[in-house]
């Protein structure tokens, strides 16, 4: 799964079941699953 950080601790991502969505990285669900970030120039 991949997403794009959009600021204010939120990121844009998509799933097959819910489509494109914006989620808060402070949610326990994402705190347990976040692995790493990369910067693309």
PDB file of N, CA and C in Angstrom:
ATOM      1  N   UNK A   1       0.858  -1.170   0.000  1.00  0.00           N
ATOM      2  CA  UNK A   1       0.000   0.000   0.000  1.00  0.00           C
ATOM      3  C   UNK A   1       0.897   1.223   0.000  1.00  0.00           C
ATOM      4  N   UNK A   2       0.526   2.228  -0.748  1.00  0.00           N
ATOM      5  CA  UNK A   2       1.304   3.464  -0.811  1.00  0.00           C
ATOM      6  C   UNK A   2       0.356   4.651  -0.716  1.00  0.00           C
ATOM      7  N   UNK A   3       0.885   5.753  -0.237  1.00  0.00           N
ATOM      8  CA  UNK A   3       0.088   6.968  -0.132  1.00  0.00           C
ATOM      9  C   UNK A   3       0.961   8.183  -0.365  1.00  0.00           C
ATOM     10  N   UNK A   4       0.334   9.342  -0.449  1.00  0.00           N
ATOM     11  CA  UNK A   4       1.038  10.605  -0.646  1.00  0.00           C
ATOM     12  C   UNK A   4       0.712  11.503   0.537  1.00  0.00           C
ATOM     13  N   UNK A   5       1.757  11.961   1.234  1.00  0.00           N
ATOM     14  CA  UNK A   5       1.566  12.858   2.370  1.00  0.00           C
ATOM     15  C   UNK A   5       1.130  14.217   1.842  1.00  0.00           C
ATOM     16  N   UNK A   6       0.056  14.775   2.404  1.00  0.00           N
ATOM     17  CA  UNK A   6      -0.468  16.050   1.910  1.00  0.00           C
ATOM     18  C   UNK A   6      -0.395  17.157   2.969  1.00  0.00           C
ATOM     19  N   UNK A   7       0.260  16.882   4.080  1.00  0.00           N
ATOM     20  CA  UNK A   7       0.419  17.885   5.124  1.00  0.00           C
ATOM     21  C   UNK A   7      -0.589  17.713   6.252  1.00  0.00           C
ATOM     22  N   UNK A   8      -0.351  18.420   7.336  1.00  0.00           N
ATOM     23  CA  UNK A   8      -1.224  18.399   8.509  1.00  0.00           C
ATOM     24  C   UNK A   8      -1.481  16.975   9.007  1.00  0.00           C
ATOM     25  N   UNK A   9      -0.450  16.126   8.884  1.00  0.00           N
ATOM     26  CA  UNK A   9      -0.484  14.728   9.339  1.00  0.00           C
ATOM     27  C   UNK A   9      -1.546  13.880   8.625  1.00  0.00           C
ATOM     28  N   UNK A  10      -1.847  14.254   7.373  1.00  0.00           N
ATOM     29  CA  UNK A  10      -2.821  13.515   6.577  1.00  0.00           C
ATOM     30  C   UNK A  10      -2.169  13.005   5.298  1.00  0.00           C
ATOM     31  N   UNK A  11      -2.702  11.899   4.770  1.00  0.00           N
ATOM     32  CA  UNK A  11      -2.185  11.377   3.522  1.00  0.00           C
ATOM     33  C   UNK A  11      -3.307  10.869   2.627  1.00  0.00           C
ATOM     34  N   UNK A  12      -3.042  10.911   1.328  1.00  0.00           N
ATOM     35  CA  UNK A  12      -3.976  10.497   0.291  1.00  0.00           C
ATOM     36  C   UNK A  12      -3.611   9.091  -0.141  1.00  0.00           C
ATOM     37  N   UNK A  13      -4.596   8.220  -0.216  1.00  0.00           N
ATOM     38  CA  UNK A  13      -4.338   6.842  -0.633  1.00  0.00           C
ATOM     39  C   UNK A  13      -5.615   6.260  -1.208  1.00  0.00           C
ATOM     40  N   UNK A  14      -5.530   5.065  -1.763  1.00  0.00           N
ATOM     41  CA  UNK A  14      -6.702   4.434  -2.376  1.00  0.00           C
ATOM     42  C   UNK A  14      -6.777   2.967  -1.977  1.00  0.00           C
ATOM     43  N   UNK A  15      -7.992   2.481  -1.875  1.00  0.00           N
ATOM     44  CA  UNK A  15      -8.216   1.055  -1.624  1.00  0.00           C
ATOM     45  C   UNK A  15      -9.264   0.555  -2.611  1.00  0.00           C
ATOM     46  N   UNK A  16      -9.267  -0.728  -2.850  1.00  0.00           N
ATOM     47  CA  UNK A  16     -10.255  -1.303  -3.772  1.00  0.00           C
ATOM     48  C   UNK A  16     -11.672  -1.142  -3.235  1.00  0.00           C
ATOM     49  N   UNK A  17     -11.828  -1.262  -1.931  1.00  0.00           N
ATOM     50  CA  UNK A  17     -13.176  -1.227  -1.357  1.00  0.00           C
ATOM     51  C   UNK A  17     -13.731   0.183  -1.157  1.00  0.00           C
ATOM     52  N   UNK A  18     -12.861   1.160  -0.834  1.00  0.00           N
ATOM     53  CA  UNK A  18     -13.345   2.508  -0.511  1.00  0.00           C
ATOM     54  C   UNK A  18     -12.942   3.567  -1.527  1.00  0.00           C
ATOM     55  N   UNK A  19     -12.098   3.227  -2.480  1.00  0.00           N
ATOM     56  CA  UNK A  19     -11.651   4.206  -3.467  1.00  0.00           C
ATOM     57  C   UNK A  19     -10.624   5.164  -2.872  1.00  0.00           C
ATOM     58  N   UNK A  20     -10.508   6.338  -3.475  1.00  0.00           N
ATOM     59  CA  UNK A  20      -9.533   7.339  -3.027  1.00  0.00           C
ATOM     60  C   UNK A  20     -10.049   8.001  -1.757  1.00  0.00           C
ATOM     61  N   UNK A  21      -9.155   8.144  -0.781  1.00  0.00           N
ATOM     62  CA  UNK A  21      -9.551   8.754   0.481  1.00  0.00           C
ATOM     63  C   UNK A  21      -8.382   9.469   1.145  1.00  0.00           C
ATOM     64  N   UNK A  22      -8.695  10.343   2.078  1.00  0.00           N
ATOM     65  CA  UNK A  22      -7.702  11.047   2.886  1.00  0.00           C
ATOM     66  C   UNK A  22      -7.830  10.525   4.310  1.00  0.00           C
ATOM     67  N   UNK A  23      -6.707  10.103   4.878  1.00  0.00           N
ATOM     68  CA  UNK A  23      -6.715   9.555   6.237  1.00  0.00           C
ATOM     69  C   UNK A  23      -5.746  10.315   7.129  1.00  0.00           C
ATOM     70  N   UNK A  24      -6.013  10.281   8.413  1.00  0.00           N
ATOM     71  CA  UNK A  24      -5.180  10.923   9.419  1.00  0.00           C
ATOM     72  C   UNK A  24      -4.173   9.906   9.947  1.00  0.00           C
ATOM     73  N   UNK A  25      -2.896  10.262   9.921  1.00  0.00           N
ATOM     74  CA  UNK A  25      -1.862   9.340  10.378  1.00  0.00           C
ATOM     75  C   UNK A  25      -1.865   9.159  11.892  1.00  0.00           C
ATOM     76  N   UNK A  26      -2.628   9.968  12.615  1.00  0.00           N
ATOM     77  CA  UNK A  26      -2.723   9.829  14.070  1.00  0.00           C
ATOM     78  C   UNK A  26      -3.658   8.700  14.499  1.00  0.00           C
ATOM     79  N   UNK A  27      -4.429   8.155  13.572  1.00  0.00           N
ATOM     80  CA  UNK A  27      -5.321   7.050  13.921  1.00  0.00           C
ATOM     81  C   UNK A  27      -4.506   5.828  14.328  1.00  0.00           C
ATOM     82  N   UNK A  28      -4.963   5.124  15.343  1.00  0.00           N
ATOM     83  CA  UNK A  28      -4.251   3.932  15.815  1.00  0.00           C
ATOM     84  C   UNK A  28      -4.026   2.926  14.691  1.00  0.00           C
ATOM     85  N   UNK A  29      -4.997   2.801  13.788  1.00  0.00           N
ATOM     86  CA  UNK A  29      -4.859   1.861  12.671  1.00  0.00           C
ATOM     87  C   UNK A  29      -3.583   2.138  11.889  1.00  0.00           C
ATOM     88  N   UNK A  30      -3.319   3.405  11.561  1.00  0.00           N
ATOM     89  CA  UNK A  30      -2.137   3.744  10.764  1.00  0.00           C
ATOM     90  C   UNK A  30      -0.874   3.787  11.611  1.00  0.00           C
ATOM     91  N   UNK A  31      -0.978   4.147  12.878  1.00  0.00           N
ATOM     92  CA  UNK A  31       0.199   4.143  13.753  1.00  0.00           C
ATOM     93  C   UNK A  31       0.807   2.747  13.826  1.00  0.00           C
ATOM     94  N   UNK A  32      -0.041   1.738  13.852  1.00  0.00           N
ATOM     95  CA  UNK A  32       0.430   0.349  13.922  1.00  0.00           C
ATOM     96  C   UNK A  32       0.989  -0.155  12.597  1.00  0.00           C
ATOM     97  N   UNK A  33       0.636   0.489  11.479  1.00  0.00           N
ATOM     98  CA  UNK A  33       0.995  -0.027  10.162  1.00  0.00           C
ATOM     99  C   UNK A  33       2.010   0.811   9.395  1.00  0.00           C
ATOM    100  N   UNK A  34       2.237   2.049   9.816  1.00  0.00           N
ATOM    101  CA  UNK A  34       3.176   2.921   9.094  1.00  0.00           C
ATOM    102  C   UNK A  34       4.578   2.337   9.164  1.00  0.00           C
ATOM    103  N   UNK A  35       5.250   2.298   8.024  1.00  0.00           N
ATOM    104  CA  UNK A  35       6.580   1.689   7.983  1.00  0.00           C
ATOM    105  C   UNK A  35       7.667   2.703   7.660  1.00  0.00           C
ATOM    106  N   UNK A  36       7.560   3.398   6.544  1.00  0.00           N
ATOM    107  CA  UNK A  36       8.598   4.349   6.172  1.00  0.00           C
ATOM    108  C   UNK A  36       8.067   5.354   5.167  1.00  0.00           C
ATOM    109  N   UNK A  37       8.873   6.363   4.910  1.00  0.00           N
ATOM    110  CA  UNK A  37       8.530   7.379   3.909  1.00  0.00           C
ATOM    111  C   UNK A  37       9.729   7.611   3.004  1.00  0.00           C
ATOM    112  N   UNK A  38       9.444   8.010   1.799  1.00  0.00           N
ATOM    113  CA  UNK A  38      10.481   8.370   0.825  1.00  0.00           C
ATOM    114  C   UNK A  38      10.117   9.705   0.218  1.00  0.00           C
ATOM    115  N   UNK A  39      11.124  10.473  -0.100  1.00  0.00           N
ATOM    116  CA  UNK A  39      10.900  11.751  -0.760  1.00  0.00           C
ATOM    117  C   UNK A  39      11.228  11.599  -2.236  1.00  0.00           C
ATOM    118  N   UNK A  40      10.304  11.987  -3.082  1.00  0.00           N
ATOM    119  CA  UNK A  40      10.503  11.920  -4.528  1.00  0.00           C
ATOM    120  C   UNK A  40      10.684  13.340  -5.037  1.00  0.00           C
ATOM    121  N   UNK A  41      11.766  13.545  -5.743  1.00  0.00           N
ATOM    122  CA  UNK A  41      12.033  14.893  -6.266  1.00  0.00           C
ATOM    123  C   UNK A  41      11.619  15.026  -7.697  1.00  0.00           C
TER     124      UNK A  41
END
